[in-house]
Amino acid sequence: MFIVVLVTVPGKKVAKRIAEELLLQRVAACINILKDIDSLFWWQDKIDRAKECF
């Protein structure tokens, strides 16, 4: 069985920290970090935008 989990984080530094911990704990076999994601979402009753890593 394969499971794919997608999360966004505020930047590459946070992404690397999470990736390293997941690999050290052996709960992930491979982690890909993609940068420069433009996220659009509802926040406090309006559409907001953020630059994130994925």
N, C-alpha and C. Protein backbone atom coordinates (compact mmCIF):
# COMPACT_ATOMS: atom_id res chain seq x y z
N MET A 1 0.84 -1.17 0.00
CA MET A 1 0.00 0.00 0.00
C MET A 1 0.90 1.25 0.00
N PHE A 2 0.48 2.25 -0.75
CA PHE A 2 1.21 3.52 -0.81
C PHE A 2 0.31 4.63 -0.31
N ILE A 3 0.89 5.56 0.39
CA ILE A 3 0.16 6.73 0.88
C ILE A 3 0.94 7.97 0.47
N VAL A 4 0.26 8.93 -0.11
CA VAL A 4 0.87 10.19 -0.49
C VAL A 4 0.26 11.28 0.38
N VAL A 5 1.10 12.05 1.03
CA VAL A 5 0.65 13.14 1.88
C VAL A 5 1.20 14.44 1.32
N LEU A 6 0.34 15.41 1.11
CA LEU A 6 0.75 16.72 0.60
C LEU A 6 0.48 17.77 1.67
N VAL A 7 1.47 18.58 1.96
CA VAL A 7 1.30 19.68 2.93
C VAL A 7 2.00 20.92 2.38
N THR A 8 1.55 22.08 2.78
CA THR A 8 2.25 23.31 2.46
C THR A 8 2.85 23.87 3.73
N VAL A 9 3.96 24.54 3.58
CA VAL A 9 4.67 25.16 4.70
C VAL A 9 5.09 26.56 4.28
N PRO A 10 5.45 27.42 5.25
CA PRO A 10 5.78 28.80 4.91
C PRO A 10 7.08 28.99 4.15
N GLY A 11 7.97 28.01 4.18
CA GLY A 11 9.24 28.18 3.47
C GLY A 11 10.06 26.91 3.42
N LYS A 12 11.16 26.98 2.67
CA LYS A 12 12.01 25.81 2.45
C LYS A 12 12.69 25.33 3.74
N LYS A 13 13.05 26.25 4.61
CA LYS A 13 13.71 25.87 5.87
C LYS A 13 12.80 24.96 6.70
N VAL A 14 11.55 25.32 6.81
CA VAL A 14 10.58 24.49 7.56
C VAL A 14 10.39 23.15 6.85
N ALA A 15 10.28 23.18 5.53
CA ALA A 15 10.11 21.95 4.76
C ALA A 15 11.26 20.98 5.00
N LYS A 16 12.48 21.49 4.98
CA LYS A 16 13.66 20.63 5.21
C LYS A 16 13.66 20.05 6.62
N ARG A 17 13.29 20.86 7.60
CA ARG A 17 13.27 20.39 8.98
C ARG A 17 12.25 19.26 9.15
N ILE A 18 11.07 19.43 8.58
CA ILE A 18 10.05 18.39 8.65
C ILE A 18 10.51 17.13 7.91
N ALA A 19 11.07 17.31 6.72
CA ALA A 19 11.54 16.17 5.92
C ALA A 19 12.60 15.37 6.66
N GLU A 20 13.57 16.05 7.22
CA GLU A 20 14.64 15.35 7.94
C GLU A 20 14.10 14.57 9.12
N GLU A 21 13.17 15.15 9.86
CA GLU A 21 12.61 14.45 11.02
C GLU A 21 11.80 13.23 10.58
N LEU A 22 11.01 13.35 9.54
CA LEU A 22 10.23 12.21 9.05
C LEU A 22 11.15 11.08 8.57
N LEU A 23 12.24 11.44 7.91
CA LEU A 23 13.19 10.43 7.45
C LEU A 23 13.93 9.78 8.62
N LEU A 24 14.35 10.59 9.60
CA LEU A 24 15.02 10.04 10.78
C LEU A 24 14.12 9.09 11.55
N GLN A 25 12.83 9.41 11.62
CA GLN A 25 11.87 8.55 12.33
C GLN A 25 11.45 7.35 11.47
N ARG A 26 11.91 7.32 10.22
CA ARG A 26 11.61 6.24 9.27
C ARG A 26 10.11 6.07 9.02
N VAL A 27 9.40 7.19 9.02
CA VAL A 27 7.98 7.15 8.69
C VAL A 27 7.74 7.60 7.24
N ALA A 28 8.82 8.00 6.57
CA ALA A 28 8.76 8.36 5.16
C ALA A 28 9.97 7.76 4.46
N ALA A 29 9.76 7.29 3.25
CA ALA A 29 10.85 6.72 2.46
C ALA A 29 11.47 7.76 1.53
N CYS A 30 10.67 8.71 1.09
CA CYS A 30 11.14 9.73 0.16
C CYS A 30 10.29 10.98 0.34
N ILE A 31 10.93 12.12 0.31
CA ILE A 31 10.22 13.39 0.45
C ILE A 31 10.70 14.33 -0.65
N ASN A 32 9.75 14.93 -1.35
CA ASN A 32 10.06 15.90 -2.39
C ASN A 32 9.64 17.29 -1.88
N ILE A 33 10.51 18.26 -2.07
CA ILE A 33 10.20 19.64 -1.68
C ILE A 33 10.11 20.48 -2.95
N LEU A 34 8.95 21.05 -3.17
CA LEU A 34 8.72 21.92 -4.31
C LEU A 34 8.58 23.35 -3.79
N LYS A 35 9.20 24.30 -4.46
CA LYS A 35 9.13 25.67 -3.97
C LYS A 35 8.29 26.54 -4.89
N ASP A 36 8.05 27.74 -4.43
CA ASP A 36 7.33 28.76 -5.19
C ASP A 36 5.91 28.36 -5.56
N ILE A 37 5.17 27.94 -4.57
CA ILE A 37 3.76 27.62 -4.75
C ILE A 37 2.95 28.88 -4.44
N ASP A 38 2.06 29.24 -5.33
CA ASP A 38 1.13 30.34 -5.09
C ASP A 38 -0.18 29.74 -4.60
N SER A 39 -0.50 29.95 -3.33
CA SER A 39 -1.73 29.40 -2.75
C SER A 39 -2.78 30.49 -2.65
N LEU A 40 -4.00 30.16 -3.06
CA LEU A 40 -5.14 31.04 -2.89
C LEU A 40 -6.15 30.28 -2.04
N PHE A 41 -6.74 30.95 -1.04
CA PHE A 41 -7.61 30.26 -0.09
C PHE A 41 -8.51 31.25 0.62
N TRP A 42 -9.57 30.71 1.21
CA TRP A 42 -10.44 31.55 2.03
C TRP A 42 -9.82 31.71 3.41
N TRP A 43 -9.76 32.95 3.89
CA TRP A 43 -9.25 33.23 5.23
C TRP A 43 -9.99 34.45 5.78
N GLN A 44 -10.64 34.27 6.90
CA GLN A 44 -11.39 35.33 7.55
C GLN A 44 -12.35 36.02 6.59
N ASP A 45 -13.16 35.21 5.96
CA ASP A 45 -14.24 35.66 5.07
C ASP A 45 -13.80 36.39 3.81
N LYS A 46 -12.56 36.17 3.38
CA LYS A 46 -12.11 36.74 2.11
C LYS A 46 -11.08 35.82 1.47
N ILE A 47 -10.88 36.00 0.18
CA ILE A 47 -9.85 35.22 -0.52
C ILE A 47 -8.50 35.85 -0.23
N ASP A 48 -7.56 35.01 0.22
CA ASP A 48 -6.21 35.46 0.56
C ASP A 48 -5.21 34.72 -0.32
N ARG A 49 -3.98 35.18 -0.33
CA ARG A 49 -2.91 34.55 -1.11
C ARG A 49 -1.66 34.40 -0.23
N ALA A 50 -0.85 33.40 -0.57
CA ALA A 50 0.41 33.20 0.15
C ALA A 50 1.41 32.49 -0.77
N LYS A 51 2.67 32.83 -0.62
CA LYS A 51 3.77 32.09 -1.26
C LYS A 51 4.18 31.01 -0.27
N GLU A 52 4.23 29.77 -0.74
CA GLU A 52 4.54 28.65 0.15
C GLU A 52 5.44 27.64 -0.57
N CYS A 53 5.90 26.67 0.20
CA CYS A 53 6.59 25.51 -0.35
C CYS A 53 5.64 24.33 -0.21
N PHE A 54 5.79 23.35 -1.08
CA PHE A 54 4.90 22.21 -1.12
C PHE A 54 5.73 20.95 -1.10
